C-alpha atoms as a PDB file:
ATOM      1  CA  UNK A   1      -7.433-135.526 -98.591  1.00  0.00           C
ATOM      2  CA  UNK A   2      -4.056-136.791 -97.400  1.00  0.00           C
ATOM      3  CA  UNK A   3      -2.494-134.642 -94.725  1.00  0.00           C
ATOM      4  CA  UNK A   4      -5.166-131.989 -94.410  1.00  0.00           C
ATOM      5  CA  UNK A   5      -8.219-133.941 -93.295  1.00  0.00           C
ATOM      6  CA  UNK A   6      -9.087-136.355 -90.541  1.00  0.00           C
ATOM      7  CA  UNK A   7     -12.175-138.126 -89.277  1.00  0.00           C
ATOM      8  CA  UNK A   8     -13.755-138.065 -85.835  1.00  0.00           C
ATOM      9  CA  UNK A   9     -16.769-139.471 -84.057  1.00  0.00           C
ATOM     10  CA  UNK A  10     -18.231-138.044 -80.879  1.00  0.00           C
ATOM     11  CA  UNK A  11     -19.148-141.241 -79.056  1.00  0.00           C
ATOM     12  CA  UNK A  12     -22.498-142.214 -77.473  1.00  0.00           C
ATOM     13  CA  UNK A  13     -21.663-141.339 -73.858  1.00  0.00           C
ATOM     14  CA  UNK A  14     -20.496-137.884 -74.844  1.00  0.00           C
ATOM     15  CA  UNK A  15     -23.620-137.316 -76.940  1.00  0.00           C
ATOM     16  CA  UNK A  16     -25.898-138.540 -74.118  1.00  0.00           C
ATOM     17  CA  UNK A  17     -24.282-136.068 -71.710  1.00  0.00           C
ATOM     18  CA  UNK A  18     -25.105-133.175 -74.082  1.00  0.00           C
ATOM     19  CA  UNK A  19     -21.431-132.493 -74.738  1.00  0.00           C
ATOM     20  CA  UNK A  20     -21.595-132.229 -78.540  1.00  0.00           C
ATOM     21  CA  UNK A  21     -21.368-128.427 -78.441  1.00  0.00           C
ATOM     22  CA  UNK A  22     -18.512-128.248 -75.931  1.00  0.00           C
ATOM     23  CA  UNK A  23     -16.477-130.851 -77.878  1.00  0.00           C
ATOM     24  CA  UNK A  24     -17.062-129.001 -81.157  1.00  0.00           C
ATOM     25  CA  UNK A  25     -16.005-125.755 -79.463  1.00  0.00           C
ATOM     26  CA  UNK A  26     -12.644-127.308 -78.487  1.00  0.00           C
ATOM     27  CA  UNK A  27     -12.214-128.606 -82.041  1.00  0.00           C
ATOM     28  CA  UNK A  28     -13.021-125.214 -83.589  1.00  0.00           C
ATOM     29  CA  UNK A  29     -10.799-123.319 -81.168  1.00  0.00           C
ATOM     30  CA  UNK A  30      -7.909-125.616 -82.147  1.00  0.00           C
ATOM     31  CA  UNK A  31      -8.228-124.370 -85.726  1.00  0.00           C
ATOM     32  CA  UNK A  32     -10.081-127.286 -87.324  1.00  0.00           C
ATOM     33  CA  UNK A  33     -12.781-126.592 -89.906  1.00  0.00           C
ATOM     34  CA  UNK A  34     -15.747-128.945 -90.231  1.00  0.00           C
ATOM     35  CA  UNK A  35     -16.007-130.223 -93.818  1.00  0.00           C
ATOM     36  CA  UNK A  36     -18.871-132.686 -93.176  1.00  0.00           C
ATOM     37  CA  UNK A  37     -20.909-133.622 -90.130  1.00  0.00           C
ATOM     38  CA  UNK A  38     -23.880-135.823 -89.290  1.00  0.00           C
ATOM     39  CA  UNK A  39     -25.803-136.976 -86.256  1.00  0.00           C
ATOM     40  CA  UNK A  40     -26.585-140.663 -86.668  1.00  0.00           C
ATOM     41  CA  UNK A  41     -27.014-143.953 -84.850  1.00  0.00           C
ATOM     42  CA  UNK A  42     -24.920-146.964 -85.828  1.00  0.00           C
ATOM     43  CA  UNK A  43     -26.581-150.344 -85.600  1.00  0.00           C
ATOM     44  CA  UNK A  44     -24.519-153.287 -84.338  1.00  0.00           C
ATOM     45  CA  UNK A  45     -23.659-154.458 -87.868  1.00  0.00           C
ATOM     46  CA  UNK A  46     -22.467-150.994 -88.916  1.00  0.00           C
ATOM     47  CA  UNK A  47     -20.373-150.643 -85.759  1.00  0.00           C
ATOM     48  CA  UNK A  48     -18.865-154.057 -86.509  1.00  0.00           C
ATOM     49  CA  UNK A  49     -18.023-153.000 -90.065  1.00  0.00           C
ATOM     50  CA  UNK A  50     -16.463-149.733 -88.936  1.00  0.00           C
ATOM     51  CA  UNK A  51     -14.317-151.462 -86.303  1.00  0.00           C
ATOM     52  CA  UNK A  52     -13.618-154.613 -88.377  1.00  0.00           C
ATOM     53  CA  UNK A  53      -9.879-154.013 -87.954  1.00  0.00           C
ATOM     54  CA  UNK A  54     -10.356-154.938 -84.270  1.00  0.00           C
ATOM     55  CA  UNK A  55     -12.534-158.040 -84.868  1.00  0.00           C
ATOM     56  CA  UNK A  56      -9.931-160.397 -83.402  1.00  0.00           C
ATOM     57  CA  UNK A  57      -9.372-158.317 -80.250  1.00  0.00           C
ATOM     58  CA  UNK A  58     -10.892-159.143 -76.869  1.00  0.00           C
ATOM     59  CA  UNK A  59     -12.608-155.737 -76.622  1.00  0.00           C
ATOM     60  CA  UNK A  60     -14.364-155.934 -80.042  1.00  0.00           C
ATOM     61  CA  UNK A  61     -17.751-157.150 -78.768  1.00  0.00           C
ATOM     62  CA  UNK A  62     -17.906-154.545 -76.001  1.00  0.00           C
ATOM     63  CA  UNK A  63     -16.742-151.831 -78.417  1.00  0.00           C
ATOM     64  CA  UNK A  64     -19.364-152.583 -81.056  1.00  0.00           C
ATOM     65  CA  UNK A  65     -22.109-152.902 -78.433  1.00  0.00           C
ATOM     66  CA  UNK A  66     -21.127-149.564 -76.940  1.00  0.00           C
ATOM     67  CA  UNK A  67     -20.816-147.774 -80.285  1.00  0.00           C
ATOM     68  CA  UNK A  68     -24.299-148.964 -81.264  1.00  0.00           C
ATOM     69  CA  UNK A  69     -25.823-148.048 -77.883  1.00  0.00           C
ATOM     70  CA  UNK A  70     -26.812-144.498 -78.849  1.00  0.00           C
ATOM     71  CA  UNK A  71     -26.363-141.735 -81.386  1.00  0.00           C
ATOM     72  CA  UNK A  72     -22.963-140.447 -82.463  1.00  0.00           C
ATOM     73  CA  UNK A  73     -21.749-137.406 -84.353  1.00  0.00           C
ATOM     74  CA  UNK A  74     -19.455-138.189 -87.287  1.00  0.00           C
ATOM     75  CA  UNK A  75     -17.343-135.434 -88.820  1.00  0.00           C
ATOM     76  CA  UNK A  76     -14.591-134.761 -91.308  1.00  0.00           C
ATOM     77  CA  UNK A  77     -12.201-132.097 -90.066  1.00  0.00           C
ATOM     78  CA  UNK A  78      -9.707-130.039 -92.025  1.00  0.00           C
ATOM     79  CA  UNK A  79      -6.480-128.422 -90.943  1.00  0.00           C
ATOM     80  CA  UNK A  80      -2.860-128.660 -92.028  1.00  0.00           C
ATOM     81  CA  UNK A  81      -1.338-131.799 -90.437  1.00  0.00           C
ATOM     82  CA  UNK A  82      -4.870-132.811 -89.428  1.00  0.00           C
ATOM     83  CA  UNK A  83      -4.362-136.394 -88.240  1.00  0.00           C
ATOM     84  CA  UNK A  84      -1.396-135.700 -85.972  1.00  0.00           C
ATOM     85  CA  UNK A  85      -2.820-132.433 -84.641  1.00  0.00           C
ATOM     86  CA  UNK A  86      -6.181-134.025 -83.882  1.00  0.00           C
ATOM     87  CA  UNK A  87      -4.556-137.019 -82.143  1.00  0.00           C
ATOM     88  CA  UNK A  88      -2.732-134.517 -79.932  1.00  0.00           C
ATOM     89  CA  UNK A  89      -5.947-132.573 -79.289  1.00  0.00           C
ATOM     90  CA  UNK A  90      -7.917-135.648 -78.223  1.00  0.00           C
ATOM     91  CA  UNK A  91      -5.211-136.961 -75.910  1.00  0.00           C
ATOM     92  CA  UNK A  92      -4.390-140.410 -74.612  1.00  0.00           C
ATOM     93  CA  UNK A  93      -6.967-143.217 -74.924  1.00  0.00           C
ATOM     94  CA  UNK A  94      -6.853-143.401 -71.124  1.00  0.00           C
ATOM     95  CA  UNK A  95      -8.296-140.104 -69.880  1.00  0.00           C
ATOM     96  CA  UNK A  96      -6.352-140.439 -66.624  1.00  0.00           C
ATOM     97  CA  UNK A  97      -3.132-140.220 -68.671  1.00  0.00           C
ATOM     98  CA  UNK A  98      -4.434-137.584 -71.092  1.00  0.00           C
ATOM     99  CA  UNK A  99      -2.874-134.126 -70.989  1.00  0.00           C
ATOM    100  CA  UNK A 100      -4.807-131.272 -69.412  1.00  0.00           C
ATOM    101  CA  UNK A 101      -7.106-129.515 -71.856  1.00  0.00           C
ATOM    102  CA  UNK A 102      -7.392-132.454 -74.246  1.00  0.00           C
ATOM    103  CA  UNK A 103     -10.849-133.651 -75.269  1.00  0.00           C
ATOM    104  CA  UNK A 104     -10.479-136.980 -73.479  1.00  0.00           C
ATOM    105  CA  UNK A 105      -9.231-135.322 -70.297  1.00  0.00           C
ATOM    106  CA  UNK A 106     -12.213-132.950 -70.382  1.00  0.00           C
ATOM    107  CA  UNK A 107     -15.003-135.323 -71.463  1.00  0.00           C
ATOM    108  CA  UNK A 108     -14.063-139.037 -71.274  1.00  0.00           C
ATOM    109  CA  UNK A 109     -15.441-141.386 -68.624  1.00  0.00           C
ATOM    110  CA  UNK A 110     -12.862-144.167 -68.976  1.00  0.00           C
ATOM    111  CA  UNK A 111     -10.499-145.853 -71.397  1.00  0.00           C
ATOM    112  CA  UNK A 112     -13.378-147.702 -73.094  1.00  0.00           C
ATOM    113  CA  UNK A 113     -15.695-144.675 -73.002  1.00  0.00           C
ATOM    114  CA  UNK A 114     -13.151-142.169 -74.167  1.00  0.00           C
ATOM    115  CA  UNK A 115     -15.411-139.457 -75.645  1.00  0.00           C
ATOM    116  CA  UNK A 116     -14.200-139.358 -79.249  1.00  0.00           C
ATOM    117  CA  UNK A 117     -12.635-141.393 -82.013  1.00  0.00           C
ATOM    118  CA  UNK A 118      -9.858-139.925 -84.131  1.00  0.00           C
ATOM    119  CA  UNK A 119      -8.236-141.410 -87.228  1.00  0.00           C
ATOM    120  CA  UNK A 120      -4.729-142.736 -86.619  1.00  0.00           C
ATOM    121  CA  UNK A 121      -3.378-142.230 -90.151  1.00  0.00           C
ATOM    122  CA  UNK A 122      -4.107-140.339 -93.361  1.00  0.00           C
ATOM    123  CA  UNK A 123      -5.102-143.637 -94.985  1.00  0.00           C
ATOM    124  CA  UNK A 124      -7.589-144.489 -92.222  1.00  0.00           C
ATOM    125  CA  UNK A 125      -8.977-140.949 -92.299  1.00  0.00           C
ATOM    126  CA  UNK A 126      -9.960-141.534 -95.922  1.00  0.00           C
ATOM    127  CA  UNK A 127     -11.438-144.983 -95.228  1.00  0.00           C
ATOM    128  CA  UNK A 128     -13.368-143.776 -92.172  1.00  0.00           C
ATOM    129  CA  UNK A 129     -14.629-140.634 -93.897  1.00  0.00           C
ATOM    130  CA  UNK A 130     -15.823-142.702 -96.857  1.00  0.00           C
ATOM    131  CA  UNK A 131     -17.700-145.022 -94.475  1.00  0.00           C
ATOM    132  CA  UNK A 132     -19.939-142.165 -93.339  1.00  0.00           C
ATOM    133  CA  UNK A 133     -19.965-139.564 -96.096  1.00  0.00           C
ATOM    134  CA  UNK A 134     -20.574-139.485 -99.828  1.00  0.00           C
ATOM    135  CA  UNK A 135     -18.583-137.006-101.896  1.00  0.00           C
ATOM    136  CA  UNK A 136     -21.678-134.734-102.170  1.00  0.00           C
ATOM    137  CA  UNK A 137     -21.929-134.448 -98.372  1.00  0.00           C
ATOM    138  CA  UNK A 138     -18.498-132.813 -98.062  1.00  0.00           C
ATOM    139  CA  UNK A 139     -18.038-129.041 -98.204  1.00  0.00           C
END
């Protein structure tokens, strides 16, 4: 998977605003192919496990509460140089600083409600993909 796949989640606020389709359109138009996708709802424990790397940070409790507040869409995306290209496509964590046309500029409410998650490394893309998807759910 290294180099050609990444993981994303469309976050609860984006889902609740019926922006799944528009976000997926931006992703597809940028040349990414969806290899796996599911609509699901994380409970607080699952959100805590997914974001365990941030457990010692001040924002952890708010993050896990938010991520378990409603359904999300999890997906594995494929494209050459996937992680870096997707990080560029989603834009800065702070939508005010995000470049025009990026997903966060188009759909994010704030820095903490920033529309989508994107893996920050090939290694984390594998870990995050494995959290949500079995090998038989990938195409």
